[in-house]
C-alpha atoms as a PDB file:
ATOM      1  CA  MET A   1       0.022   0.008   0.112  1.00  0.00           C
ATOM      2  CA  LEU A   2       1.369   3.422  -0.946  1.00  0.00           C
ATOM      3  CA  ASN A   3       1.591   6.260   1.710  1.00  0.00           C
ATOM      4  CA  THR A   4       0.196   9.715   0.811  1.00  0.00           C
ATOM      5  CA  ALA A   5       3.553  11.156  -0.487  1.00  0.00           C
ATOM      6  CA  GLU A   6       4.009   8.105  -2.701  1.00  0.00           C
ATOM      7  CA  LYS A   7       0.377   8.358  -4.045  1.00  0.00           C
ATOM      8  CA  VAL A   8       1.064  12.215  -4.812  1.00  0.00           C
ATOM      9  CA  SER A   9       4.333  11.317  -6.680  1.00  0.00           C
ATOM     10  CA  VAL A  10       2.656   8.539  -8.731  1.00  0.00           C
ATOM     11  CA  LEU A  11      -0.279  10.947  -9.407  1.00  0.00           C
ATOM     12  CA  LEU A  12       2.131  13.604 -10.434  1.00  0.00           C
ATOM     13  CA  LEU A  13       4.108  11.212 -12.647  1.00  0.00           C
ATOM     14  CA  ARG A  14       0.948  10.010 -14.266  1.00  0.00           C
ATOM     15  CA  LEU A  15      -0.388  13.462 -14.973  1.00  0.00           C
ATOM     16  CA  SER A  16       2.819  14.743 -16.370  1.00  0.00           C
ATOM     17  CA  ILE A  17       3.535  11.882 -18.627  1.00  0.00           C
ATOM     18  CA  GLY A  18      -0.020  11.914 -19.664  1.00  0.00           C
ATOM     19  CA  TRP A  19       0.075  15.405 -20.568  1.00  0.00           C
ATOM     20  CA  LEU A  20       3.243  14.926 -22.608  1.00  0.00           C
ATOM     21  CA  PHE A  21       1.402  12.248 -24.671  1.00  0.00           C
ATOM     22  CA  PHE A  22      -1.980  14.263 -24.850  1.00  0.00           C
ATOM     23  CA  TYR A  23      -0.345  17.440 -26.199  1.00  0.00           C
ATOM     24  CA  ALA A  24       1.838  15.624 -28.560  1.00  0.00           C
ATOM     25  CA  GLY A  25      -1.270  13.915 -30.035  1.00  0.00           C
ATOM     26  CA  TRP A  26      -3.424  16.997 -29.897  1.00  0.00           C
ATOM     27  CA  SER A  27      -0.929  19.108 -31.725  1.00  0.00           C
ATOM     28  CA  LYS A  28      -0.995  16.598 -34.577  1.00  0.00           C
ATOM     29  CA  VAL A  29      -4.696  15.662 -34.386  1.00  0.00           C
ATOM     30  CA  ILE A  30      -5.732  19.388 -34.523  1.00  0.00           C
ATOM     31  CA  THR A  31      -4.287  19.813 -38.036  1.00  0.00           C
ATOM     32  CA  PHE A  32      -6.701  17.309 -39.385  1.00  0.00           C
ATOM     33  CA  PHE A  33      -9.637  19.695 -38.642  1.00  0.00           C
ATOM     34  CA  THR A  34      -8.255  23.029 -39.609  1.00  0.00           C
ATOM     35  CA  ASP A  35      -7.176  24.864 -42.697  1.00  0.00           C
ATOM     36  CA  ALA A  36      -3.609  23.964 -41.850  1.00  0.00           C
ATOM     37  CA  LYS A  37      -1.666  21.305 -43.620  1.00  0.00           C
ATOM     38  CA  ASP A  38      -2.362  17.779 -42.088  1.00  0.00           C
ATOM     39  CA  TRP A  39       0.408  16.813 -39.820  1.00  0.00           C
ATOM     40  CA  THR A  40       2.539  13.945 -41.253  1.00  0.00           C
ATOM     41  CA  ALA A  41       5.653  11.980 -40.283  1.00  0.00           C
ATOM     42  CA  ALA A  42       6.704  11.485 -43.785  1.00  0.00           C
ATOM     43  CA  GLY A  43       9.512  13.962 -43.724  1.00  0.00           C
ATOM     44  CA  PHE A  44      10.901  12.366 -40.583  1.00  0.00           C
ATOM     45  CA  LEU A  45      10.422   8.808 -41.574  1.00  0.00           C
ATOM     46  CA  SER A  46      11.853   9.372 -45.005  1.00  0.00           C
ATOM     47  CA  GLN A  47      15.272  10.815 -43.625  1.00  0.00           C
ATOM     48  CA  ILE A  48      15.954   8.114 -40.951  1.00  0.00           C
ATOM     49  CA  PRO A  49      19.686   7.158 -41.162  1.00  0.00           C
ATOM     50  CA  GLY A  50      20.057   4.268 -38.760  1.00  0.00           C
ATOM     51  CA  PRO A  51      19.946   0.532 -38.902  1.00  0.00           C
ATOM     52  CA  PHE A  52      16.113   0.609 -39.120  1.00  0.00           C
ATOM     53  CA  ALA A  53      15.666   3.025 -41.912  1.00  0.00           C
ATOM     54  CA  GLY A  54      14.325   0.471 -44.248  1.00  0.00           C
ATOM     55  CA  LEU A  55      11.648  -0.342 -41.889  1.00  0.00           C
ATOM     56  CA  PHE A  56      10.482   3.149 -41.111  1.00  0.00           C
ATOM     57  CA  SER A  57      11.017   4.725 -44.731  1.00  0.00           C
ATOM     58  CA  GLY A  58       8.227   2.236 -45.993  1.00  0.00           C
ATOM     59  CA  MET A  59       5.898   4.068 -43.484  1.00  0.00           C
ATOM     60  CA  ALA A  60       6.667   7.453 -44.747  1.00  0.00           C
ATOM     61  CA  GLY A  61       3.625   9.157 -46.347  1.00  0.00           C
ATOM     62  CA  ASN A  62       1.137   6.503 -45.142  1.00  0.00           C
ATOM     63  CA  ALA A  63      -1.834   8.365 -43.813  1.00  0.00           C
ATOM     64  CA  LEU A  64      -2.852   5.359 -41.753  1.00  0.00           C
ATOM     65  CA  VAL A  65       0.450   5.486 -39.761  1.00  0.00           C
ATOM     66  CA  ASP A  66       0.014   9.200 -39.299  1.00  0.00           C
ATOM     67  CA  TYR A  67      -3.519   8.854 -37.985  1.00  0.00           C
ATOM     68  CA  LEU A  68      -2.492   5.975 -35.691  1.00  0.00           C
ATOM     69  CA  ASN A  69       0.408   7.869 -34.299  1.00  0.00           C
ATOM     70  CA  ALA A  70      -1.464  11.070 -33.621  1.00  0.00           C
ATOM     71  CA  TYR A  71      -4.608   9.504 -32.300  1.00  0.00           C
ATOM     72  CA  GLY A  72      -2.514   6.907 -30.343  1.00  0.00           C
ATOM     73  CA  LEU A  73      -0.694   9.630 -28.460  1.00  0.00           C
ATOM     74  CA  LEU A  74      -3.860  11.577 -27.816  1.00  0.00           C
ATOM     75  CA  LEU A  75      -5.685   8.489 -26.443  1.00  0.00           C
ATOM     76  CA  VAL A  76      -2.770   7.320 -24.370  1.00  0.00           C
ATOM     77  CA  GLY A  77      -2.410  10.725 -22.888  1.00  0.00           C
ATOM     78  CA  ALA A  78      -6.171  11.103 -22.037  1.00  0.00           C
ATOM     79  CA  ALA A  79      -6.347   7.544 -20.454  1.00  0.00           C
ATOM     80  CA  LEU A  80      -3.246   8.536 -18.280  1.00  0.00           C
ATOM     81  CA  ILE A  81      -4.581  11.912 -17.242  1.00  0.00           C
ATOM     82  CA  LEU A  82      -7.917  10.334 -16.221  1.00  0.00           C
ATOM     83  CA  GLY A  83      -6.380   7.192 -14.723  1.00  0.00           C
ATOM     84  CA  ILE A  84      -8.497   4.811 -16.749  1.00  0.00           C
ATOM     85  CA  PHE A  85      -7.209   1.561 -18.270  1.00  0.00           C
ATOM     86  CA  VAL A  86      -3.818   2.673 -17.311  1.00  0.00           C
ATOM     87  CA  ARG A  87      -2.085  -0.699 -17.920  1.00  0.00           C
ATOM     88  CA  TRP A  88      -3.603  -0.978 -21.354  1.00  0.00           C
ATOM     89  CA  SER A  89      -2.702   2.591 -22.457  1.00  0.00           C
ATOM     90  CA  ALA A  90       0.661   2.262 -20.979  1.00  0.00           C
ATOM     91  CA  PHE A  91       1.450  -0.845 -23.037  1.00  0.00           C
ATOM     92  CA  TRP A  92       0.496   1.069 -26.189  1.00  0.00           C
ATOM     93  CA  GLY A  93       2.479   4.060 -25.061  1.00  0.00           C
ATOM     94  CA  ILE A  94       5.467   1.796 -24.609  1.00  0.00           C
ATOM     95  CA  VAL A  95       4.820   0.390 -28.143  1.00  0.00           C
ATOM     96  CA  ILE A  96       4.726   3.996 -29.563  1.00  0.00           C
ATOM     97  CA  MET A  97       7.950   4.896 -27.640  1.00  0.00           C
ATOM     98  CA  VAL A  98       9.900   1.831 -28.712  1.00  0.00           C
ATOM     99  CA  LEU A  99       9.059   2.571 -32.298  1.00  0.00           C
ATOM    100  CA  TYR A 100      10.129   6.187 -31.705  1.00  0.00           C
ATOM    101  CA  TYR A 101      13.524   4.953 -30.100  1.00  0.00           C
ATOM    102  CA  LEU A 102      14.228   2.635 -32.941  1.00  0.00           C
ATOM    103  CA  ALA A 103      13.524   5.307 -35.584  1.00  0.00           C
ATOM    104  CA  SER A 104      15.900   7.443 -33.977  1.00  0.00           C
ATOM    105  CA  PHE A 105      18.525   5.008 -33.160  1.00  0.00           C
ATOM    106  CA  PRO A 106      21.370   5.604 -32.567  1.00  0.00           C
ATOM    107  CA  ALA A 107      20.355   8.986 -30.957  1.00  0.00           C
ATOM    108  CA  GLU A 108      22.508  12.051 -31.772  1.00  0.00           C
ATOM    109  CA  HIS A 109      22.496  13.497 -28.398  1.00  0.00           C
ATOM    110  CA  SER A 110      23.028  10.318 -26.133  1.00  0.00           C
ATOM    111  CA  TYR A 111      24.073   6.748 -26.246  1.00  0.00           C
ATOM    112  CA  ILE A 112      21.498   4.153 -25.896  1.00  0.00           C
ATOM    113  CA  VAL A 113      19.287   5.905 -23.203  1.00  0.00           C
ATOM    114  CA  GLU A 114      17.442   8.824 -24.588  1.00  0.00           C
ATOM    115  CA  GLU A 115      14.025  10.482 -23.775  1.00  0.00           C
ATOM    116  CA  HIS A 116      11.841   7.721 -25.673  1.00  0.00           C
ATOM    117  CA  PHE A 117      13.531   5.181 -23.599  1.00  0.00           C
ATOM    118  CA  ILE A 118      12.942   6.966 -20.370  1.00  0.00           C
ATOM    119  CA  TYR A 119       9.185   7.722 -21.410  1.00  0.00           C
ATOM    120  CA  ALA A 120       8.849   3.756 -21.826  1.00  0.00           C
ATOM    121  CA  LEU A 121      10.283   3.162 -18.374  1.00  0.00           C
ATOM    122  CA  VAL A 122       7.999   5.577 -16.748  1.00  0.00           C
ATOM    123  CA  LEU A 123       5.155   3.715 -18.439  1.00  0.00           C
ATOM    124  CA  VAL A 124       6.453   0.559 -17.127  1.00  0.00           C
ATOM    125  CA  VAL A 125       6.444   1.933 -13.593  1.00  0.00           C
ATOM    126  CA  LEU A 126       3.025   3.365 -13.918  1.00  0.00           C
ATOM    127  CA  ALA A 127       1.603   0.033 -15.056  1.00  0.00           C
ATOM    128  CA  ALA A 128       3.528  -1.850 -12.337  1.00  0.00           C
ATOM    129  CA  VAL A 129       2.277   0.235  -9.452  1.00  0.00           C
ATOM    130  CA  GLY A 130      -1.281   0.439 -10.586  1.00  0.00           C
ATOM    131  CA  ALA A 131      -1.215   4.091 -11.157  1.00  0.00           C
ATOM    132  CA  GLY A 132      -4.848   4.337 -12.423  1.00  0.00           C
ATOM    133  CA  ARG A 133      -5.819   3.203  -8.782  1.00  0.00           C
ATOM    134  CA  VAL A 134      -4.154   6.284  -7.391  1.00  0.00           C
ATOM    135  CA  TRP A 135      -6.995   8.979  -7.701  1.00  0.00           C
ATOM    136  CA  GLY A 136      -7.933   7.556 -11.173  1.00  0.00           C
ATOM    137  CA  LEU A 137     -10.985   6.192 -12.772  1.00  0.00           C
ATOM    138  CA  ASP A 138      -9.629   2.547 -12.664  1.00  0.00           C
ATOM    139  CA  ARG A 139     -10.310   2.270  -9.037  1.00  0.00           C
ATOM    140  CA  ALA A 140     -14.087   2.984  -9.557  1.00  0.00           C
ATOM    141  CA  LEU A 141     -14.068   0.767 -12.561  1.00  0.00           C
ATOM    142  CA  GLU A 142     -12.638  -2.170 -10.522  1.00  0.00           C
ATOM    143  CA  ASN A 143     -15.497  -1.845  -8.170  1.00  0.00           C
ATOM    144  CA  SER A 144     -18.004  -1.910 -10.735  1.00  0.00           C
ATOM    145  CA  GLY A 145     -20.423  -4.806 -11.321  1.00  0.00           C
ATOM    146  CA  PHE A 146     -19.285  -5.147 -15.054  1.00  0.00           C
ATOM    147  CA  VAL A 147     -15.556  -5.404 -14.194  1.00  0.00           C
ATOM    148  CA  LYS A 148     -16.424  -7.873 -11.288  1.00  0.00           C
ATOM    149  CA  SER A 149     -18.395 -10.183 -13.744  1.00  0.00           C
ATOM    150  CA  ASN A 150     -15.631  -9.802 -16.331  1.00  0.00           C
ATOM    151  CA  SER A 151     -12.437 -10.253 -14.153  1.00  0.00           C
ATOM    152  CA  TRP A 152     -10.150 -10.360 -17.181  1.00  0.00           C
ATOM    153  CA  LEU A 153     -10.638  -6.527 -17.478  1.00  0.00           C
ATOM    154  CA  VAL A 154      -8.629  -5.989 -14.149  1.00  0.00           C
ATOM    155  CA  LYS A 155      -5.443  -6.818 -15.995  1.00  0.00           C
ATOM    156  CA  LEU A 156      -6.093  -3.728 -18.297  1.00  0.00           C
ATOM    157  CA  LEU A 157      -6.801  -1.497 -15.338  1.00  0.00           C
ATOM    158  CA  GLY A 158      -4.572  -0.179 -12.647  1.00  0.00           C
END
């Protein structure tokens, strides 16, 4: 059981990483609904110099990849902020961060450990401690009749 200081720390970590994801997604998604040119990762993906260049250059200019990236960031961030389906959203956040990590490998400004690696580790910690139960909606969901009758859902919460 976490004490109050630990709960506050977990909450602040969940909210801050949630905001990073949410804002990164929002800044991309909003372009799909304005007169601005739609956001795309094509420029970045087509210029990757590392060992995974072949994997990512094939994704450049693919609208589905752009939408999955933008909406994935937005949804992961919203889920973390609300504390709902935290383990499930942390998993997908880790997937996104691993893809970002591989796309920028080797990093120009660090060796092996860079920001996407750290973000993924933060998500591992949030999933491990059940951060959604700390002043999040996951606690309420776990106590709902629906989740109690579908106990497998508990693995996605927390």
